[in-house]
Amino acid sequence: MNELNRLPDRAPAPAKQPHILRRLLSHHELATLLLLLHSPIGVNAKPEIPMLQEAGLVEMVSGTHDGPRFQLTSQGNAILRGLGAV
């Protein structure tokens, strides 16, 4: 193999730190996080729940007879701590 055609050995790229937020939260999403700070809420309680779940800020937990409920994840708690709400 020709030495000119050989690619230099590269060190592996450092692992990227996970980002909590990939976008800014709306005021409705922040209000929903504040509601969840005190207790889980039902699936249909707020329309912002799916976006917050996609962002990893809330998670579904088994509920009572009302159905599944959502609560804050550790990342959701971190957002509220960063805002001084906790």
C-alpha atoms as a PDB file:
ATOM      1  CA  MET A   1       0.000   0.000   0.000  1.00  0.00           C
ATOM      2  CA  ASN A   2       1.322   3.400  -0.948  1.00  0.00           C
ATOM      3  CA  GLU A   3       2.139   5.585   2.096  1.00  0.00           C
ATOM      4  CA  LEU A   4       0.604   8.652   0.405  1.00  0.00           C
ATOM      5  CA  ASN A   5      -2.792   7.004   0.066  1.00  0.00           C
ATOM      6  CA  ARG A   6      -2.926   5.838   3.654  1.00  0.00           C
ATOM      7  CA  LEU A   7      -5.104   7.867   6.020  1.00  0.00           C
ATOM      8  CA  PRO A   8      -3.412   8.963   9.229  1.00  0.00           C
ATOM      9  CA  ASP A   9      -4.555   7.238  12.373  1.00  0.00           C
ATOM     10  CA  ARG A  10      -6.994   9.467  14.180  1.00  0.00           C
ATOM     11  CA  ALA A  11      -7.786   9.487  17.850  1.00  0.00           C
ATOM     12  CA  PRO A  12     -11.464   8.874  18.565  1.00  0.00           C
ATOM     13  CA  ALA A  13     -13.518  12.019  19.009  1.00  0.00           C
ATOM     14  CA  PRO A  14     -14.317  12.866  22.619  1.00  0.00           C
ATOM     15  CA  ALA A  15     -17.790  11.897  23.762  1.00  0.00           C
ATOM     16  CA  LYS A  16     -20.248  14.748  23.478  1.00  0.00           C
ATOM     17  CA  GLN A  17     -22.035  15.910  26.585  1.00  0.00           C
ATOM     18  CA  PRO A  18     -25.794  15.400  26.318  1.00  0.00           C
ATOM     19  CA  HIS A  19     -27.756  18.592  25.863  1.00  0.00           C
ATOM     20  CA  ILE A  20     -30.782  19.028  28.071  1.00  0.00           C
ATOM     21  CA  LEU A  21     -32.470  21.473  25.733  1.00  0.00           C
ATOM     22  CA  ARG A  22     -32.242  21.647  21.987  1.00  0.00           C
ATOM     23  CA  ARG A  23     -34.643  24.599  21.837  1.00  0.00           C
ATOM     24  CA  LEU A  24     -36.131  27.232  24.102  1.00  0.00           C
ATOM     25  CA  LEU A  25     -39.201  26.291  26.106  1.00  0.00           C
ATOM     26  CA  SER A  26     -42.401  28.254  25.642  1.00  0.00           C
ATOM     27  CA  HIS A  27     -44.070  29.931  28.597  1.00  0.00           C
ATOM     28  CA  HIS A  28     -46.785  27.255  28.442  1.00  0.00           C
ATOM     29  CA  GLU A  29     -44.172  24.489  28.664  1.00  0.00           C
ATOM     30  CA  LEU A  30     -42.480  26.196  31.611  1.00  0.00           C
ATOM     31  CA  ALA A  31     -45.843  26.535  33.358  1.00  0.00           C
ATOM     32  CA  THR A  32     -46.495  22.830  32.777  1.00  0.00           C
ATOM     33  CA  LEU A  33     -43.112  21.940  34.312  1.00  0.00           C
ATOM     34  CA  LEU A  34     -44.027  24.058  37.343  1.00  0.00           C
ATOM     35  CA  LEU A  35     -47.345  22.198  37.669  1.00  0.00           C
ATOM     36  CA  LEU A  36     -45.511  18.886  37.531  1.00  0.00           C
ATOM     37  CA  LEU A  37     -43.126  20.056  40.232  1.00  0.00           C
ATOM     38  CA  HIS A  38     -45.831  19.554  42.842  1.00  0.00           C
ATOM     39  CA  SER A  39     -47.602  16.430  41.578  1.00  0.00           C
ATOM     40  CA  PRO A  40     -48.061  14.233  38.505  1.00  0.00           C
ATOM     41  CA  ILE A  41     -50.800  15.277  36.086  1.00  0.00           C
ATOM     42  CA  GLY A  42     -52.970  13.341  33.657  1.00  0.00           C
ATOM     43  CA  VAL A  43     -52.093  12.684  30.054  1.00  0.00           C
ATOM     44  CA  ASN A  44     -54.746  15.001  28.648  1.00  0.00           C
ATOM     45  CA  ALA A  45     -54.244  17.767  31.209  1.00  0.00           C
ATOM     46  CA  LYS A  46     -51.941  19.938  29.090  1.00  0.00           C
ATOM     47  CA  PRO A  47     -51.273  19.962  25.327  1.00  0.00           C
ATOM     48  CA  GLU A  48     -47.557  20.638  25.964  1.00  0.00           C
ATOM     49  CA  ILE A  49     -46.969  17.178  27.475  1.00  0.00           C
ATOM     50  CA  PRO A  50     -45.923  15.404  24.219  1.00  0.00           C
ATOM     51  CA  MET A  51     -43.268  18.022  23.427  1.00  0.00           C
ATOM     52  CA  LEU A  52     -41.926  17.908  26.978  1.00  0.00           C
ATOM     53  CA  GLN A  53     -41.822  14.114  26.832  1.00  0.00           C
ATOM     54  CA  GLU A  54     -39.950  14.242  23.522  1.00  0.00           C
ATOM     55  CA  ALA A  55     -37.431  16.624  25.114  1.00  0.00           C
ATOM     56  CA  GLY A  56     -36.960  14.147  27.992  1.00  0.00           C
ATOM     57  CA  LEU A  57     -38.283  16.544  30.626  1.00  0.00           C
ATOM     58  CA  VAL A  58     -41.340  14.493  31.647  1.00  0.00           C
ATOM     59  CA  GLU A  59     -42.065  10.781  31.789  1.00  0.00           C
ATOM     60  CA  MET A  60     -45.169   8.641  31.933  1.00  0.00           C
ATOM     61  CA  VAL A  61     -45.876   6.757  35.141  1.00  0.00           C
ATOM     62  CA  SER A  62     -48.617   4.304  35.933  1.00  0.00           C
ATOM     63  CA  GLY A  63     -51.607   6.162  37.246  1.00  0.00           C
ATOM     64  CA  THR A  64     -54.698   5.396  39.194  1.00  0.00           C
ATOM     65  CA  HIS A  65     -58.081   4.577  37.709  1.00  0.00           C
ATOM     66  CA  ASP A  66     -57.818   7.840  35.717  1.00  0.00           C
ATOM     67  CA  GLY A  67     -55.107   6.386  33.493  1.00  0.00           C
ATOM     68  CA  PRO A  68     -51.416   7.115  33.045  1.00  0.00           C
ATOM     69  CA  ARG A  69     -49.928  10.287  34.472  1.00  0.00           C
ATOM     70  CA  PHE A  70     -46.810  12.344  33.813  1.00  0.00           C
ATOM     71  CA  GLN A  71     -44.115  13.487  36.207  1.00  0.00           C
ATOM     72  CA  LEU A  72     -40.845  15.405  35.911  1.00  0.00           C
ATOM     73  CA  THR A  73     -37.655  13.581  34.997  1.00  0.00           C
ATOM     74  CA  SER A  74     -34.314  14.457  36.562  1.00  0.00           C
ATOM     75  CA  GLN A  75     -33.667  16.671  33.517  1.00  0.00           C
ATOM     76  CA  GLY A  76     -36.974  18.470  34.055  1.00  0.00           C
ATOM     77  CA  ASN A  77     -36.018  19.044  37.683  1.00  0.00           C
ATOM     78  CA  ALA A  78     -32.645  20.375  36.550  1.00  0.00           C
ATOM     79  CA  ILE A  79     -34.366  22.945  34.318  1.00  0.00           C
ATOM     80  CA  LEU A  80     -36.458  24.198  37.223  1.00  0.00           C
ATOM     81  CA  ARG A  81     -33.427  24.273  39.542  1.00  0.00           C
ATOM     82  CA  GLY A  82     -31.584  26.330  36.944  1.00  0.00           C
ATOM     83  CA  LEU A  83     -34.460  28.799  36.923  1.00  0.00           C
ATOM     84  CA  GLY A  84     -34.445  28.971  40.727  1.00  0.00           C
ATOM     85  CA  ALA A  85     -37.909  27.419  41.012  1.00  0.00           C
ATOM     86  CA  VAL A  86     -36.789  24.539  43.244  1.00  0.00           C
END
